């Protein structure tokens, strides 16, 4: 199984030291939208989509405040669909899109793959799409799924994976791709675990924002920590799952590579090559 690491949206907020933990206060930080493109026996699977072409064509739908805070580059060449094409594939080759959650910087590229099955936790779908319960005002960009994607839903049931309860996201033919419930950032937030040639990869989404958070002695840049707390839907659950991720790294780091969605350190450590 080949796995490609993609950055599908660069963001450059002000205050590098307070966001990345290094550099100057008045330097631009760097954050990414870390996605995976997986070659499976049933075509391509994409884990998260980052910023999409529709977002770039109509950036106001992302929210002026969000754009101002993140200073997103909105570069069409970074979109998942253009990177898939650059790798020699057709967008139609992407048969599955697996989403950690439905926030705007994770689901923006969903319309660029209209024929793909879109896998998501049911609790996430219920809040973001059905509004049951109603989400915080402005949390989701509903235009990202107005085309009516083919949804596939998952809940808390499933097999055990290193102490986490997982689900076979792509069915019996692809038992090496699992959706792992990791609620907290949103109510239906999940990680996606993929078995590579070198062991397991766990795309932990927004379960944590900075690589220092799952070290033995946790650390977190000040402003990044502030944004994380503000984005939490269930802070208690997010902290509990973060502790479980830390224990997983400390206990099974030789078997599982954990990374989050936006940390450029995690991204650069992962993209050394194709797994």
C-alpha atoms as a PDB file:
ATOM      1  CA  UNK A   1       0.000   0.000   0.000  1.00  0.00           C
ATOM      2  CA  UNK A   2       1.557   3.314  -1.116  1.00  0.00           C
ATOM      3  CA  UNK A   3       0.864   6.448   0.920  1.00  0.00           C
ATOM      4  CA  UNK A   4       1.574  10.000  -0.207  1.00  0.00           C
ATOM      5  CA  UNK A   5       1.716  12.909   2.251  1.00  0.00           C
ATOM      6  CA  UNK A   6       0.139  16.103   0.875  1.00  0.00           C
ATOM      7  CA  UNK A   7      -0.052  19.657   2.164  1.00  0.00           C
ATOM      8  CA  UNK A   8      -3.398  20.916   0.891  1.00  0.00           C
ATOM      9  CA  UNK A   9      -3.366  24.379   2.394  1.00  0.00           C
ATOM     10  CA  UNK A  10      -0.566  26.537   3.801  1.00  0.00           C
ATOM     11  CA  UNK A  11      -1.465  29.069   6.485  1.00  0.00           C
ATOM     12  CA  UNK A  12       0.866  31.852   7.657  1.00  0.00           C
ATOM     13  CA  UNK A  13      -0.499  33.620  10.754  1.00  0.00           C
ATOM     14  CA  UNK A  14       1.565  36.283  12.472  1.00  0.00           C
ATOM     15  CA  UNK A  15       3.606  35.408  15.579  1.00  0.00           C
ATOM     16  CA  UNK A  16       5.790  32.451  14.678  1.00  0.00           C
ATOM     17  CA  UNK A  17       7.194  31.933  18.180  1.00  0.00           C
ATOM     18  CA  UNK A  18       3.697  31.840  19.692  1.00  0.00           C
ATOM     19  CA  UNK A  19       2.319  29.488  17.017  1.00  0.00           C
ATOM     20  CA  UNK A  20       5.210  27.233  15.928  1.00  0.00           C
ATOM     21  CA  UNK A  21       7.236  27.576  19.126  1.00  0.00           C
ATOM     22  CA  UNK A  22      10.341  28.848  17.291  1.00  0.00           C
ATOM     23  CA  UNK A  23      11.398  32.050  15.569  1.00  0.00           C
ATOM     24  CA  UNK A  24      10.425  35.646  16.229  1.00  0.00           C
ATOM     25  CA  UNK A  25       7.255  37.260  17.496  1.00  0.00           C
ATOM     26  CA  UNK A  26       6.844  39.305  14.316  1.00  0.00           C
ATOM     27  CA  UNK A  27       7.656  36.556  11.848  1.00  0.00           C
ATOM     28  CA  UNK A  28       4.983  34.691   9.946  1.00  0.00           C
ATOM     29  CA  UNK A  29       4.282  31.205  11.288  1.00  0.00           C
ATOM     30  CA  UNK A  30       3.705  28.208   9.027  1.00  0.00           C
ATOM     31  CA  UNK A  31       0.880  25.718   9.364  1.00  0.00           C
ATOM     32  CA  UNK A  32      -0.229  23.064   6.888  1.00  0.00           C
ATOM     33  CA  UNK A  33      -3.260  20.960   6.022  1.00  0.00           C
ATOM     34  CA  UNK A  34      -1.715  17.491   6.168  1.00  0.00           C
ATOM     35  CA  UNK A  35      -3.625  14.933   4.103  1.00  0.00           C
ATOM     36  CA  UNK A  36      -2.907  11.408   2.911  1.00  0.00           C
ATOM     37  CA  UNK A  37      -3.408   9.936  -0.543  1.00  0.00           C
ATOM     38  CA  UNK A  38      -3.536   6.147  -0.304  1.00  0.00           C
ATOM     39  CA  UNK A  39      -3.307   3.665  -3.152  1.00  0.00           C
ATOM     40  CA  UNK A  40      -5.682   0.835  -2.254  1.00  0.00           C
ATOM     41  CA  UNK A  41      -6.980  -2.228  -4.044  1.00  0.00           C
ATOM     42  CA  UNK A  42     -10.190  -0.316  -4.796  1.00  0.00           C
ATOM     43  CA  UNK A  43      -8.642   2.864  -6.179  1.00  0.00           C
ATOM     44  CA  UNK A  44      -7.381   5.905  -4.325  1.00  0.00           C
ATOM     45  CA  UNK A  45      -8.451   6.984  -0.851  1.00  0.00           C
ATOM     46  CA  UNK A  46      -7.931  10.500   0.457  1.00  0.00           C
ATOM     47  CA  UNK A  47      -7.700  11.233   4.187  1.00  0.00           C
ATOM     48  CA  UNK A  48      -9.008  14.794   4.656  1.00  0.00           C
ATOM     49  CA  UNK A  49      -9.092  17.227   1.733  1.00  0.00           C
ATOM     50  CA  UNK A  50      -7.866  20.589   3.028  1.00  0.00           C
ATOM     51  CA  UNK A  51      -8.807  23.719   1.093  1.00  0.00           C
ATOM     52  CA  UNK A  52     -10.741  23.117  -2.120  1.00  0.00           C
ATOM     53  CA  UNK A  53     -11.030  24.886  -5.466  1.00  0.00           C
ATOM     54  CA  UNK A  54     -14.476  26.182  -4.487  1.00  0.00           C
ATOM     55  CA  UNK A  55     -13.010  27.795  -1.375  1.00  0.00           C
ATOM     56  CA  UNK A  56     -10.378  29.559  -3.469  1.00  0.00           C
ATOM     57  CA  UNK A  57     -12.941  30.719  -6.045  1.00  0.00           C
ATOM     58  CA  UNK A  58     -15.213  32.123  -3.285  1.00  0.00           C
ATOM     59  CA  UNK A  59     -12.944  32.713  -0.272  1.00  0.00           C
ATOM     60  CA  UNK A  60     -15.526  34.738   1.658  1.00  0.00           C
ATOM     61  CA  UNK A  61     -17.405  31.527   2.393  1.00  0.00           C
ATOM     62  CA  UNK A  62     -14.476  30.494   4.592  1.00  0.00           C
ATOM     63  CA  UNK A  63     -15.179  33.529   6.758  1.00  0.00           C
ATOM     64  CA  UNK A  64     -13.290  36.818   6.740  1.00  0.00           C
ATOM     65  CA  UNK A  65     -12.257  36.397  10.362  1.00  0.00           C
ATOM     66  CA  UNK A  66     -10.851  32.919   9.696  1.00  0.00           C
ATOM     67  CA  UNK A  67      -8.991  34.176   6.634  1.00  0.00           C
ATOM     68  CA  UNK A  68      -7.548  37.093   8.573  1.00  0.00           C
ATOM     69  CA  UNK A  69      -6.429  34.921  11.493  1.00  0.00           C
ATOM     70  CA  UNK A  70      -4.938  32.100   9.427  1.00  0.00           C
ATOM     71  CA  UNK A  71      -3.537  34.142   6.504  1.00  0.00           C
ATOM     72  CA  UNK A  72      -4.177  31.160   4.236  1.00  0.00           C
ATOM     73  CA  UNK A  73      -2.291  31.246   0.929  1.00  0.00           C
ATOM     74  CA  UNK A  74      -5.274  29.885  -1.052  1.00  0.00           C
ATOM     75  CA  UNK A  75      -2.967  28.433  -3.712  1.00  0.00           C
ATOM     76  CA  UNK A  76      -4.827  26.292  -6.300  1.00  0.00           C
ATOM     77  CA  UNK A  77      -1.720  24.142  -6.835  1.00  0.00           C
ATOM     78  CA  UNK A  78      -1.938  23.020  -3.198  1.00  0.00           C
ATOM     79  CA  UNK A  79      -5.479  21.663  -3.523  1.00  0.00           C
ATOM     80  CA  UNK A  80      -5.827  17.912  -3.258  1.00  0.00           C
ATOM     81  CA  UNK A  81      -7.441  17.631  -6.689  1.00  0.00           C
ATOM     82  CA  UNK A  82      -4.551  19.383  -8.453  1.00  0.00           C
ATOM     83  CA  UNK A  83      -1.974  17.361  -6.531  1.00  0.00           C
ATOM     84  CA  UNK A  84      -3.777  14.131  -7.448  1.00  0.00           C
ATOM     85  CA  UNK A  85      -3.607  15.202 -11.105  1.00  0.00           C
ATOM     86  CA  UNK A  86       0.071  16.157 -10.786  1.00  0.00           C
ATOM     87  CA  UNK A  87       0.792  12.627  -9.547  1.00  0.00           C
ATOM     88  CA  UNK A  88      -0.654  11.251 -12.786  1.00  0.00           C
ATOM     89  CA  UNK A  89      -4.097  10.251 -11.538  1.00  0.00           C
ATOM     90  CA  UNK A  90      -7.570  11.388 -12.448  1.00  0.00           C
ATOM     91  CA  UNK A  91      -9.835  12.894  -9.764  1.00  0.00           C
ATOM     92  CA  UNK A  92     -12.251  10.080 -10.629  1.00  0.00           C
ATOM     93  CA  UNK A  93      -9.629   7.614  -9.350  1.00  0.00           C
ATOM     94  CA  UNK A  94     -10.331   8.865  -5.811  1.00  0.00           C
ATOM     95  CA  UNK A  95     -13.005   6.402  -4.713  1.00  0.00           C
ATOM     96  CA  UNK A  96     -13.044   7.210  -1.000  1.00  0.00           C
ATOM     97  CA  UNK A  97     -12.629  10.361   1.074  1.00  0.00           C
ATOM     98  CA  UNK A  98     -12.171   9.729   4.802  1.00  0.00           C
ATOM     99  CA  UNK A  99     -12.642  12.819   6.980  1.00  0.00           C
ATOM    100  CA  UNK A 100     -11.309  13.357  10.467  1.00  0.00           C
ATOM    101  CA  UNK A 101     -14.117  15.924  10.795  1.00  0.00           C
ATOM    102  CA  UNK A 102     -16.018  18.511   8.772  1.00  0.00           C
ATOM    103  CA  UNK A 103     -14.276  21.764   9.686  1.00  0.00           C
ATOM    104  CA  UNK A 104     -13.646  24.067   6.704  1.00  0.00           C
ATOM    105  CA  UNK A 105      -9.923  23.343   6.410  1.00  0.00           C
ATOM    106  CA  UNK A 106     -10.520  19.584   6.338  1.00  0.00           C
ATOM    107  CA  UNK A 107     -13.590  19.189   4.106  1.00  0.00           C
ATOM    108  CA  UNK A 108     -13.061  22.009   1.597  1.00  0.00           C
ATOM    109  CA  UNK A 109     -11.959  19.683  -1.188  1.00  0.00           C
ATOM    110  CA  UNK A 110     -14.933  17.312  -0.891  1.00  0.00           C
ATOM    111  CA  UNK A 111     -16.748  18.879  -3.913  1.00  0.00           C
ATOM    112  CA  UNK A 112     -13.632  18.339  -6.048  1.00  0.00           C
ATOM    113  CA  UNK A 113     -14.253  14.564  -5.831  1.00  0.00           C
ATOM    114  CA  UNK A 114     -18.023  14.345  -6.466  1.00  0.00           C
ATOM    115  CA  UNK A 115     -18.044  10.613  -7.204  1.00  0.00           C
ATOM    116  CA  UNK A 116     -16.140   9.518  -4.084  1.00  0.00           C
ATOM    117  CA  UNK A 117     -17.798   7.951  -1.063  1.00  0.00           C
ATOM    118  CA  UNK A 118     -17.340  10.341   1.870  1.00  0.00           C
ATOM    119  CA  UNK A 119     -16.678   8.551   5.173  1.00  0.00           C
ATOM    120  CA  UNK A 120     -17.456  10.438   8.380  1.00  0.00           C
ATOM    121  CA  UNK A 121     -18.514   9.750  11.954  1.00  0.00           C
ATOM    122  CA  UNK A 122     -22.290   9.931  12.299  1.00  0.00           C
ATOM    123  CA  UNK A 123     -22.105  12.383  15.215  1.00  0.00           C
ATOM    124  CA  UNK A 124     -20.123  14.750  12.989  1.00  0.00           C
ATOM    125  CA  UNK A 125     -22.652  14.477  10.171  1.00  0.00           C
ATOM    126  CA  UNK A 126     -25.576  14.959  12.536  1.00  0.00           C
ATOM    127  CA  UNK A 127     -24.195  18.236  13.868  1.00  0.00           C
ATOM    128  CA  UNK A 128     -22.602  19.693  10.730  1.00  0.00           C
ATOM    129  CA  UNK A 129     -25.174  18.642   8.124  1.00  0.00           C
ATOM    130  CA  UNK A 130     -28.416  17.914   9.992  1.00  0.00           C
ATOM    131  CA  UNK A 131     -27.679  20.489  12.736  1.00  0.00           C
ATOM    132  CA  UNK A 132     -28.791  18.016  15.420  1.00  0.00           C
ATOM    133  CA  UNK A 133     -27.628  19.436  17.787  1.00  0.00           C
ATOM    134  CA  UNK A 134     -27.016  22.841  16.254  1.00  0.00           C
ATOM    135  CA  UNK A 135     -23.287  23.614  15.886  1.00  0.00           C
ATOM    136  CA  UNK A 136     -21.640  26.819  17.102  1.00  0.00           C
ATOM    137  CA  UNK A 137     -22.479  29.688  14.772  1.00  0.00           C
ATOM    138  CA  UNK A 138     -20.147  29.814  11.781  1.00  0.00           C
ATOM    139  CA  UNK A 139     -18.354  26.580  12.664  1.00  0.00           C
ATOM    140  CA  UNK A 140     -19.057  24.727   9.406  1.00  0.00           C
ATOM    141  CA  UNK A 141     -19.133  25.814   5.747  1.00  0.00           C
ATOM    142  CA  UNK A 142     -22.234  24.081   4.400  1.00  0.00           C
ATOM    143  CA  UNK A 143     -21.361  24.948   0.767  1.00  0.00           C
ATOM    144  CA  UNK A 144     -18.675  22.277   0.974  1.00  0.00           C
ATOM    145  CA  UNK A 145     -21.289  19.513   0.802  1.00  0.00           C
ATOM    146  CA  UNK A 146     -24.202  21.141  -1.011  1.00  0.00           C
ATOM    147  CA  UNK A 147     -23.559  18.897  -4.023  1.00  0.00           C
ATOM    148  CA  UNK A 148     -24.907  15.965  -2.006  1.00  0.00           C
ATOM    149  CA  UNK A 149     -21.952  13.577  -1.582  1.00  0.00           C
ATOM    150  CA  UNK A 150     -22.416   9.872  -1.055  1.00  0.00           C
ATOM    151  CA  UNK A 151     -22.006   9.668   2.705  1.00  0.00           C
ATOM    152  CA  UNK A 152     -20.894   6.581   4.615  1.00  0.00           C
ATOM    153  CA  UNK A 153     -21.331   6.689   8.382  1.00  0.00           C
ATOM    154  CA  UNK A 154     -19.528   5.194  11.382  1.00  0.00           C
ATOM    155  CA  UNK A 155     -20.151   5.216  15.116  1.00  0.00           C
ATOM    156  CA  UNK A 156     -18.353   4.052  18.268  1.00  0.00           C
ATOM    157  CA  UNK A 157     -18.638   0.326  17.504  1.00  0.00           C
ATOM    158  CA  UNK A 158     -15.712  -1.570  16.054  1.00  0.00           C
ATOM    159  CA  UNK A 159     -12.613  -3.618  16.660  1.00  0.00           C
ATOM    160  CA  UNK A 160      -9.875  -2.843  19.184  1.00  0.00           C
ATOM    161  CA  UNK A 161      -6.717  -1.103  17.943  1.00  0.00           C
ATOM    162  CA  UNK A 162      -3.969  -0.497  20.531  1.00  0.00           C
ATOM    163  CA  UNK A 163      -6.691   0.067  23.128  1.00  0.00           C
ATOM    164  CA  UNK A 164      -8.751   2.357  20.895  1.00  0.00           C
ATOM    165  CA  UNK A 165     -12.047   1.276  19.410  1.00  0.00           C
ATOM    166  CA  UNK A 166     -11.793   1.408  15.633  1.00  0.00           C
ATOM    167  CA  UNK A 167     -13.916   0.727  12.588  1.00  0.00           C
ATOM    168  CA  UNK A 168     -12.959  -0.873   9.295  1.00  0.00           C
ATOM    169  CA  UNK A 169     -13.420   2.250   7.252  1.00  0.00           C
ATOM    170  CA  UNK A 170     -13.187   0.643   3.813  1.00  0.00           C
ATOM    171  CA  UNK A 171     -14.733  -2.758   4.534  1.00  0.00           C
ATOM    172  CA  UNK A 172     -13.296  -6.253   4.526  1.00  0.00           C
ATOM    173  CA  UNK A 173     -11.228  -5.699   1.370  1.00  0.00           C
ATOM    174  CA  UNK A 174      -9.280  -2.871   3.028  1.00  0.00           C
ATOM    175  CA  UNK A 175      -8.976  -3.915   6.674  1.00  0.00           C
ATOM    176  CA  UNK A 176      -5.788  -1.849   6.964  1.00  0.00           C
ATOM    177  CA  UNK A 177      -7.666   1.480   7.029  1.00  0.00           C
ATOM    178  CA  UNK A 178      -9.485   2.197  10.277  1.00  0.00           C
ATOM    179  CA  UNK A 179     -11.519   5.108  11.589  1.00  0.00           C
ATOM    180  CA  UNK A 180     -10.684   5.755  15.268  1.00  0.00           C
ATOM    181  CA  UNK A 181     -13.139   7.904  17.292  1.00  0.00           C
ATOM    182  CA  UNK A 182     -11.228  10.763  18.983  1.00  0.00           C
ATOM    183  CA  UNK A 183     -13.949  13.163  20.091  1.00  0.00           C
ATOM    184  CA  UNK A 184     -13.219  16.527  21.642  1.00  0.00           C
ATOM    185  CA  UNK A 185     -12.214  19.004  18.962  1.00  0.00           C
ATOM    186  CA  UNK A 186     -15.645  18.221  17.502  1.00  0.00           C
ATOM    187  CA  UNK A 187     -18.227  15.724  18.731  1.00  0.00           C
ATOM    188  CA  UNK A 188     -17.591  13.346  15.836  1.00  0.00           C
ATOM    189  CA  UNK A 189     -13.865  13.916  15.425  1.00  0.00           C
ATOM    190  CA  UNK A 190     -11.874  10.822  14.386  1.00  0.00           C
ATOM    191  CA  UNK A 191      -8.370   9.718  13.621  1.00  0.00           C
ATOM    192  CA  UNK A 192      -7.629   7.572  10.571  1.00  0.00           C
ATOM    193  CA  UNK A 193      -5.193   4.686  11.039  1.00  0.00           C
ATOM    194  CA  UNK A 194      -3.453   3.225   7.981  1.00  0.00           C
ATOM    195  CA  UNK A 195      -1.126   0.234   7.917  1.00  0.00           C
ATOM    196  CA  UNK A 196       1.965   1.073   5.867  1.00  0.00           C
ATOM    197  CA  UNK A 197       4.966  -1.039   4.917  1.00  0.00           C
ATOM    198  CA  UNK A 198       6.766   0.297   8.002  1.00  0.00           C
ATOM    199  CA  UNK A 199       3.971  -0.093  10.545  1.00  0.00           C
ATOM    200  CA  UNK A 200       0.920   2.005  11.319  1.00  0.00           C
ATOM    201  CA  UNK A 201       0.307   5.669  10.579  1.00  0.00           C
ATOM    202  CA  UNK A 202      -2.286   7.503  12.650  1.00  0.00           C
ATOM    203  CA  UNK A 203      -3.605  10.730  11.185  1.00  0.00           C
ATOM    204  CA  UNK A 204      -4.886  12.241  14.430  1.00  0.00           C
ATOM    205  CA  UNK A 205      -6.576  15.235  12.802  1.00  0.00           C
ATOM    206  CA  UNK A 206      -7.015  18.075  15.279  1.00  0.00           C
ATOM    207  CA  UNK A 207      -6.730  15.887  18.385  1.00  0.00           C
ATOM    208  CA  UNK A 208      -3.644  17.961  19.092  1.00  0.00           C
ATOM    209  CA  UNK A 209      -2.129  20.976  17.298  1.00  0.00           C
ATOM    210  CA  UNK A 210       1.576  20.829  18.208  1.00  0.00           C
ATOM    211  CA  UNK A 211       3.991  17.899  18.298  1.00  0.00           C
ATOM    212  CA  UNK A 212       5.104  18.888  21.802  1.00  0.00           C
ATOM    213  CA  UNK A 213       1.671  18.065  23.206  1.00  0.00           C
ATOM    214  CA  UNK A 214       2.207  14.307  22.999  1.00  0.00           C
ATOM    215  CA  UNK A 215       5.784  14.268  24.263  1.00  0.00           C
ATOM    216  CA  UNK A 216       6.618  12.829  27.690  1.00  0.00           C
ATOM    217  CA  UNK A 217       6.875  16.425  28.977  1.00  0.00           C
ATOM    218  CA  UNK A 218       4.041  18.192  27.111  1.00  0.00           C
ATOM    219  CA  UNK A 219       4.544  21.716  25.781  1.00  0.00           C
ATOM    220  CA  UNK A 220       2.417  24.031  23.672  1.00  0.00           C
ATOM    221  CA  UNK A 221       3.000  27.509  22.156  1.00  0.00           C
ATOM    222  CA  UNK A 222       0.817  30.111  23.853  1.00  0.00           C
ATOM    223  CA  UNK A 223      -1.320  31.419  20.989  1.00  0.00           C
ATOM    224  CA  UNK A 224      -1.746  27.986  19.389  1.00  0.00           C
ATOM    225  CA  UNK A 225      -2.997  26.684  22.731  1.00  0.00           C
ATOM    226  CA  UNK A 226      -5.473  29.559  22.916  1.00  0.00           C
ATOM    227  CA  UNK A 227      -6.900  28.715  19.473  1.00  0.00           C
ATOM    228  CA  UNK A 228      -7.116  25.047  20.396  1.00  0.00           C
ATOM    229  CA  UNK A 229      -9.137  25.771  23.532  1.00  0.00           C
ATOM    230  CA  UNK A 230     -11.472  28.083  21.633  1.00  0.00           C
ATOM    231  CA  UNK A 231     -12.093  25.406  18.995  1.00  0.00           C
ATOM    232  CA  UNK A 232     -12.859  22.624  21.490  1.00  0.00           C
ATOM    233  CA  UNK A 233     -16.434  21.364  21.532  1.00  0.00           C
ATOM    234  CA  UNK A 234     -15.674  18.997  24.412  1.00  0.00           C
ATOM    235  CA  UNK A 235     -12.406  20.020  26.069  1.00  0.00           C
ATOM    236  CA  UNK A 236     -12.518  17.226  28.650  1.00  0.00           C
ATOM    237  CA  UNK A 237     -12.819  14.573  25.933  1.00  0.00           C
ATOM    238  CA  UNK A 238     -10.103  16.201  23.821  1.00  0.00           C
ATOM    239  CA  UNK A 239      -7.651  16.233  26.739  1.00  0.00           C
ATOM    240  CA  UNK A 240      -8.476  12.616  27.616  1.00  0.00           C
ATOM    241  CA  UNK A 241      -7.892  11.486  24.032  1.00  0.00           C
ATOM    242  CA  UNK A 242      -4.698  13.530  23.865  1.00  0.00           C
ATOM    243  CA  UNK A 243      -3.445  11.650  26.926  1.00  0.00           C
ATOM    244  CA  UNK A 244      -4.279   8.367  25.220  1.00  0.00           C
ATOM    245  CA  UNK A 245      -2.325   9.452  22.133  1.00  0.00           C
ATOM    246  CA  UNK A 246       0.651  10.363  24.326  1.00  0.00           C
ATOM    247  CA  UNK A 247       0.526   6.934  25.966  1.00  0.00           C
ATOM    248  CA  UNK A 248       0.304   5.306  22.531  1.00  0.00           C
ATOM    249  CA  UNK A 249       3.380   7.184  21.310  1.00  0.00           C
ATOM    250  CA  UNK A 250       5.393   6.461  24.436  1.00  0.00           C
ATOM    251  CA  UNK A 251       4.381   2.796  24.540  1.00  0.00           C
ATOM    252  CA  UNK A 252       4.202   1.895  20.834  1.00  0.00           C
ATOM    253  CA  UNK A 253       6.129   4.623  19.027  1.00  0.00           C
ATOM    254  CA  UNK A 254       8.149   1.968  17.226  1.00  0.00           C
ATOM    255  CA  UNK A 255       4.959   0.572  15.678  1.00  0.00           C
ATOM    256  CA  UNK A 256       2.750   3.651  15.241  1.00  0.00           C
ATOM    257  CA  UNK A 257       3.676   7.026  13.724  1.00  0.00           C
ATOM    258  CA  UNK A 258       1.269   9.693  15.000  1.00  0.00           C
ATOM    259  CA  UNK A 259       0.843  13.099  13.358  1.00  0.00           C
ATOM    260  CA  UNK A 260      -1.708  15.887  13.394  1.00  0.00           C
ATOM    261  CA  UNK A 261      -3.240  17.992  10.652  1.00  0.00           C
ATOM    262  CA  UNK A 262      -1.512  21.341  10.943  1.00  0.00           C
ATOM    263  CA  UNK A 263       1.935  20.995  12.515  1.00  0.00           C
ATOM    264  CA  UNK A 264       4.666  21.556   9.887  1.00  0.00           C
ATOM    265  CA  UNK A 265       7.133  19.559  12.015  1.00  0.00           C
ATOM    266  CA  UNK A 266       4.884  16.487  11.904  1.00  0.00           C
ATOM    267  CA  UNK A 267       4.379  17.018   8.176  1.00  0.00           C
ATOM    268  CA  UNK A 268       8.065  17.358   7.315  1.00  0.00           C
ATOM    269  CA  UNK A 269       8.932  14.332   9.452  1.00  0.00           C
ATOM    270  CA  UNK A 270       6.388  12.242   7.520  1.00  0.00           C
ATOM    271  CA  UNK A 271       6.995  13.299   3.951  1.00  0.00           C
ATOM    272  CA  UNK A 272      10.446  11.797   3.540  1.00  0.00           C
ATOM    273  CA  UNK A 273       9.048   9.511   0.849  1.00  0.00           C
ATOM    274  CA  UNK A 274       6.279   7.113  -0.125  1.00  0.00           C
ATOM    275  CA  UNK A 275       5.571   4.471   2.527  1.00  0.00           C
END
